[in-house]
Amino acid sequence: MALKRPMDWISFGDSLSPLYPRGLLVVQDGFNYEGPEMVPQNFKLISAQKMVDVLK
């Protein structure tokens, strides 16, 4: 099935390493612009523990 528009992605995994014992959230930009110019995509890595702490 072909996508009709680009998508950003979010992925979550648990127990990936001792650095992230509660898991890791990975967010990827589909497109990344600086003004009118497209630049390379980037990823954000967020500790699941930090998310839990913020949501308390």
PDB file of N, CA and C in Angstrom:
ATOM      1  N   MET A   1       0.835  -1.168   0.000  1.00  0.00           N
ATOM      2  CA  MET A   1       0.000   0.000   0.000  1.00  0.00           C
ATOM      3  C   MET A   1       0.887   1.242   0.000  1.00  0.00           C
ATOM      4  N   ALA A   2       0.724   2.099  -0.965  1.00  0.00           N
ATOM      5  CA  ALA A   2       1.515   3.324  -1.065  1.00  0.00           C
ATOM      6  C   ALA A   2       0.896   4.418  -0.208  1.00  0.00           C
ATOM      7  N   LEU A   3       1.747   5.161   0.478  1.00  0.00           N
ATOM      8  CA  LEU A   3       1.272   6.288   1.267  1.00  0.00           C
ATOM      9  C   LEU A   3       1.090   7.498   0.364  1.00  0.00           C
ATOM     10  N   LYS A   4       0.026   8.209   0.543  1.00  0.00           N
ATOM     11  CA  LYS A   4      -0.239   9.390  -0.279  1.00  0.00           C
ATOM     12  C   LYS A   4       0.425  10.634   0.271  1.00  0.00           C
ATOM     13  N   ARG A   5       0.891  10.575   1.507  1.00  0.00           N
ATOM     14  CA  ARG A   5       1.591  11.717   2.085  1.00  0.00           C
ATOM     15  C   ARG A   5       2.668  11.199   3.023  1.00  0.00           C
ATOM     16  N   PRO A   6       3.724  11.980   3.236  1.00  0.00           N
ATOM     17  CA  PRO A   6       4.794  11.536   4.137  1.00  0.00           C
ATOM     18  C   PRO A   6       4.292  11.415   5.570  1.00  0.00           C
ATOM     19  N   MET A   7       4.966  10.591   6.332  1.00  0.00           N
ATOM     20  CA  MET A   7       4.596  10.384   7.729  1.00  0.00           C
ATOM     21  C   MET A   7       5.807  10.582   8.621  1.00  0.00           C
ATOM     22  N   ASP A   8       5.591  11.135   9.795  1.00  0.00           N
ATOM     23  CA  ASP A   8       6.601  11.112  10.849  1.00  0.00           C
ATOM     24  C   ASP A   8       6.383   9.810  11.607  1.00  0.00           C
ATOM     25  N   TRP A   9       7.401   9.340  12.297  1.00  0.00           N
ATOM     26  CA  TRP A   9       7.300   8.053  12.986  1.00  0.00           C
ATOM     27  C   TRP A   9       7.600   8.210  14.461  1.00  0.00           C
ATOM     28  N   ILE A  10       6.912   7.412  15.251  1.00  0.00           N
ATOM     29  CA  ILE A  10       7.191   7.298  16.673  1.00  0.00           C
ATOM     30  C   ILE A  10       7.312   5.817  16.984  1.00  0.00           C
ATOM     31  N   SER A  11       8.330   5.455  17.727  1.00  0.00           N
ATOM     32  CA  SER A  11       8.524   4.063  18.112  1.00  0.00           C
ATOM     33  C   SER A  11       8.867   4.023  19.591  1.00  0.00           C
ATOM     34  N   PHE A  12       8.420   2.970  20.265  1.00  0.00           N
ATOM     35  CA  PHE A  12       8.703   2.831  21.686  1.00  0.00           C
ATOM     36  C   PHE A  12       9.165   1.415  21.940  1.00  0.00           C
ATOM     37  N   GLY A  13      10.239   1.268  22.692  1.00  0.00           N
ATOM     38  CA  GLY A  13      10.730  -0.050  23.057  1.00  0.00           C
ATOM     39  C   GLY A  13      11.054  -0.075  24.535  1.00  0.00           C
ATOM     40  N   ASP A  14      10.980  -1.249  25.135  1.00  0.00           N
ATOM     41  CA  ASP A  14      11.295  -1.343  26.557  1.00  0.00           C
ATOM     42  C   ASP A  14      12.486  -2.262  26.778  1.00  0.00           C
ATOM     43  N   SER A  15      13.195  -2.032  27.865  1.00  0.00           N
ATOM     44  CA  SER A  15      14.348  -2.847  28.284  1.00  0.00           C
ATOM     45  C   SER A  15      15.381  -2.995  27.178  1.00  0.00           C
ATOM     46  N   LEU A  16      15.689  -1.902  26.492  1.00  0.00           N
ATOM     47  CA  LEU A  16      16.660  -1.974  25.397  1.00  0.00           C
ATOM     48  C   LEU A  16      18.091  -2.047  25.888  1.00  0.00           C
ATOM     49  N   SER A  17      18.352  -1.396  27.005  1.00  0.00           N
ATOM     50  CA  SER A  17      19.704  -1.408  27.551  1.00  0.00           C
ATOM     51  C   SER A  17      19.637  -0.927  28.994  1.00  0.00           C
ATOM     52  N   PRO A  18      20.710  -1.136  29.746  1.00  0.00           N
ATOM     53  CA  PRO A  18      20.738  -0.630  31.119  1.00  0.00           C
ATOM     54  C   PRO A  18      20.618   0.893  31.186  1.00  0.00           C
ATOM     55  N   LEU A  19      20.936   1.593  30.098  1.00  0.00           N
ATOM     56  CA  LEU A  19      20.795   3.046  30.075  1.00  0.00           C
ATOM     57  C   LEU A  19      19.330   3.476  30.084  1.00  0.00           C
ATOM     58  N   TYR A  20      18.439   2.610  29.607  1.00  0.00           N
ATOM     59  CA  TYR A  20      17.007   2.917  29.524  1.00  0.00           C
ATOM     60  C   TYR A  20      16.193   1.763  30.101  1.00  0.00           C
ATOM     61  N   PRO A  21      16.264   1.540  31.405  1.00  0.00           N
ATOM     62  CA  PRO A  21      15.599   0.378  32.000  1.00  0.00           C
ATOM     63  C   PRO A  21      14.073   0.413  31.880  1.00  0.00           C
ATOM     64  N   ARG A  22      13.470   1.598  31.769  1.00  0.00           N
ATOM     65  CA  ARG A  22      12.015   1.704  31.628  1.00  0.00           C
ATOM     66  C   ARG A  22      11.586   1.805  30.169  1.00  0.00           C
ATOM     67  N   GLY A  23      12.566   1.902  29.253  1.00  0.00           N
ATOM     68  CA  GLY A  23      12.263   1.987  27.832  1.00  0.00           C
ATOM     69  C   GLY A  23      12.763   3.283  27.216  1.00  0.00           C
ATOM     70  N   LEU A  24      12.555   3.394  25.900  1.00  0.00           N
ATOM     71  CA  LEU A  24      13.050   4.521  25.127  1.00  0.00           C
ATOM     72  C   LEU A  24      12.019   4.888  24.078  1.00  0.00           C
ATOM     73  N   LEU A  25      11.696   6.168  23.975  1.00  0.00           N
ATOM     74  CA  LEU A  25      10.814   6.686  22.941  1.00  0.00           C
ATOM     75  C   LEU A  25      11.700   7.297  21.864  1.00  0.00           C
ATOM     76  N   VAL A  26      11.490   6.888  20.603  1.00  0.00           N
ATOM     77  CA  VAL A  26      12.249   7.413  19.473  1.00  0.00           C
ATOM     78  C   VAL A  26      11.265   8.122  18.542  1.00  0.00           C
ATOM     79  N   VAL A  27      11.536   9.392  18.254  1.00  0.00           N
ATOM     80  CA  VAL A  27      10.684  10.181  17.374  1.00  0.00           C
ATOM     81  C   VAL A  27      11.536  10.630  16.197  1.00  0.00           C
ATOM     82  N   GLN A  28      11.026  10.421  14.967  1.00  0.00           N
ATOM     83  CA  GLN A  28      11.762  10.763  13.751  1.00  0.00           C
ATOM     84  C   GLN A  28      10.963  11.762  12.939  1.00  0.00           C
ATOM     85  N   ASP A  29      11.623  12.821  12.479  1.00  0.00           N
ATOM     86  CA  ASP A  29      10.977  13.806  11.621  1.00  0.00           C
ATOM     87  C   ASP A  29      10.929  13.289  10.187  1.00  0.00           C
ATOM     88  N   GLY A  30       9.774  13.369   9.555  1.00  0.00           N
ATOM     89  CA  GLY A  30       9.662  12.994   8.144  1.00  0.00           C
ATOM     90  C   GLY A  30      10.369  14.000   7.253  1.00  0.00           C
ATOM     91  N   PHE A  31      10.204  15.270   7.552  1.00  0.00           N
ATOM     92  CA  PHE A  31      10.880  16.346   6.846  1.00  0.00           C
ATOM     93  C   PHE A  31      11.396  17.323   7.886  1.00  0.00           C
ATOM     94  N   ASN A  32      12.514  17.928   7.602  1.00  0.00           N
ATOM     95  CA  ASN A  32      13.112  18.876   8.520  1.00  0.00           C
ATOM     96  C   ASN A  32      13.549  20.085   7.699  1.00  0.00           C
ATOM     97  N   TYR A  33      12.991  21.235   7.988  1.00  0.00           N
ATOM     98  CA  TYR A  33      13.301  22.448   7.235  1.00  0.00           C
ATOM     99  C   TYR A  33      13.979  23.483   8.109  1.00  0.00           C
ATOM    100  N   GLU A  34      14.891  24.220   7.516  1.00  0.00           N
ATOM    101  CA  GLU A  34      15.436  25.438   8.096  1.00  0.00           C
ATOM    102  C   GLU A  34      15.074  26.535   7.115  1.00  0.00           C
ATOM    103  N   GLY A  35      14.005  27.261   7.427  1.00  0.00           N
ATOM    104  CA  GLY A  35      13.468  28.214   6.463  1.00  0.00           C
ATOM    105  C   GLY A  35      12.919  27.438   5.280  1.00  0.00           C
ATOM    106  N   PRO A  36      13.197  27.870   4.061  1.00  0.00           N
ATOM    107  CA  PRO A  36      12.678  27.154   2.894  1.00  0.00           C
ATOM    108  C   PRO A  36      13.536  25.950   2.491  1.00  0.00           C
ATOM    109  N   GLU A  37      14.696  25.786   3.129  1.00  0.00           N
ATOM    110  CA  GLU A  37      15.637  24.736   2.729  1.00  0.00           C
ATOM    111  C   GLU A  37      15.410  23.448   3.519  1.00  0.00           C
ATOM    112  N   MET A  38      15.312  22.305   2.790  1.00  0.00           N
ATOM    113  CA  MET A  38      15.190  21.015   3.459  1.00  0.00           C
ATOM    114  C   MET A  38      16.568  20.559   3.910  1.00  0.00           C
ATOM    115  N   VAL A  39      16.672  20.137   5.175  1.00  0.00           N
ATOM    116  CA  VAL A  39      17.928  19.654   5.748  1.00  0.00           C
ATOM    117  C   VAL A  39      17.729  18.204   6.182  1.00  0.00           C
ATOM    118  N   PRO A  40      18.807  17.480   6.506  1.00  0.00           N
ATOM    119  CA  PRO A  40      18.656  16.076   6.890  1.00  0.00           C
ATOM    120  C   PRO A  40      17.678  15.873   8.049  1.00  0.00           C
ATOM    121  N   GLN A  41      17.039  14.711   8.023  1.00  0.00           N
ATOM    122  CA  GLN A  41      16.110  14.341   9.096  1.00  0.00           C
ATOM    123  C   GLN A  41      16.890  14.173  10.390  1.00  0.00           C
ATOM    124  N   ASN A  42      16.156  14.171  11.497  1.00  0.00           N
ATOM    125  CA  ASN A  42      16.813  13.926  12.769  1.00  0.00           C
ATOM    126  C   ASN A  42      15.917  13.085  13.666  1.00  0.00           C
ATOM    127  N   PHE A  43      16.486  12.577  14.718  1.00  0.00           N
ATOM    128  CA  PHE A  43      15.786  11.721  15.662  1.00  0.00           C
ATOM    129  C   PHE A  43      15.848  12.344  17.048  1.00  0.00           C
ATOM    130  N   LYS A  44      14.800  12.148  17.825  1.00  0.00           N
ATOM    131  CA  LYS A  44      14.797  12.534  19.229  1.00  0.00           C
ATOM    132  C   LYS A  44      14.704  11.257  20.049  1.00  0.00           C
ATOM    133  N   LEU A  45      15.560  11.104  21.035  1.00  0.00           N
ATOM    134  CA  LEU A  45      15.567   9.948  21.925  1.00  0.00           C
ATOM    135  C   LEU A  45      15.170  10.426  23.318  1.00  0.00           C
ATOM    136  N   ILE A  46      14.110   9.838  23.862  1.00  0.00           N
ATOM    137  CA  ILE A  46      13.580  10.285  25.146  1.00  0.00           C
ATOM    138  C   ILE A  46      13.446   9.093  26.080  1.00  0.00           C
ATOM    139  N   SER A  47      14.047   9.198  27.233  1.00  0.00           N
ATOM    140  CA  SER A  47      13.956   8.142  28.235  1.00  0.00           C
ATOM    141  C   SER A  47      12.510   7.994  28.711  1.00  0.00           C
ATOM    142  N   ALA A  48      12.002   6.776  28.749  1.00  0.00           N
ATOM    143  CA  ALA A  48      10.640   6.543  29.242  1.00  0.00           C
ATOM    144  C   ALA A  48      10.532   6.953  30.708  1.00  0.00           C
ATOM    145  N   GLN A  49      11.599   6.814  31.464  1.00  0.00           N
ATOM    146  CA  GLN A  49      11.571   7.237  32.868  1.00  0.00           C
ATOM    147  C   GLN A  49      11.328   8.739  32.972  1.00  0.00           C
ATOM    148  N   LYS A  50      11.941   9.517  32.089  1.00  0.00           N
ATOM    149  CA  LYS A  50      11.726  10.960  32.105  1.00  0.00           C
ATOM    150  C   LYS A  50      10.273  11.293  31.762  1.00  0.00           C
ATOM    151  N   MET A  51       9.667  10.542  30.848  1.00  0.00           N
ATOM    152  CA  MET A  51       8.255  10.755  30.515  1.00  0.00           C
ATOM    153  C   MET A  51       7.378  10.452  31.722  1.00  0.00           C
ATOM    154  N   VAL A  52       7.657   9.363  32.416  1.00  0.00           N
ATOM    155  CA  VAL A  52       6.888   8.993  33.611  1.00  0.00           C
ATOM    156  C   VAL A  52       7.014  10.078  34.673  1.00  0.00           C
ATOM    157  N   ASP A  53       8.232  10.579  34.882  1.00  0.00           N
ATOM    158  CA  ASP A  53       8.455  11.624  35.882  1.00  0.00           C
ATOM    159  C   ASP A  53       7.661  12.895  35.555  1.00  0.00           C
ATOM    160  N   VAL A  54       7.623  13.267  34.283  1.00  0.00           N
ATOM    161  CA  VAL A  54       6.910  14.474  33.872  1.00  0.00           C
ATOM    162  C   VAL A  54       5.401  14.293  34.025  1.00  0.00           C
ATOM    163  N   LEU A  55       4.898  13.094  33.780  1.00  0.00           N
ATOM    164  CA  LEU A  55       3.464  12.848  33.811  1.00  0.00           C
ATOM    165  C   LEU A  55       2.914  12.599  35.213  1.00  0.00           C
ATOM    166  N   LYS A  56       3.774  12.486  36.211  1.00  0.00           N
ATOM    167  CA  LYS A  56       3.312  12.245  37.588  1.00  0.00           C
ATOM    168  C   LYS A  56       2.571  13.428  38.124  1.00  0.00           C
TER     169      LYS A  56
END
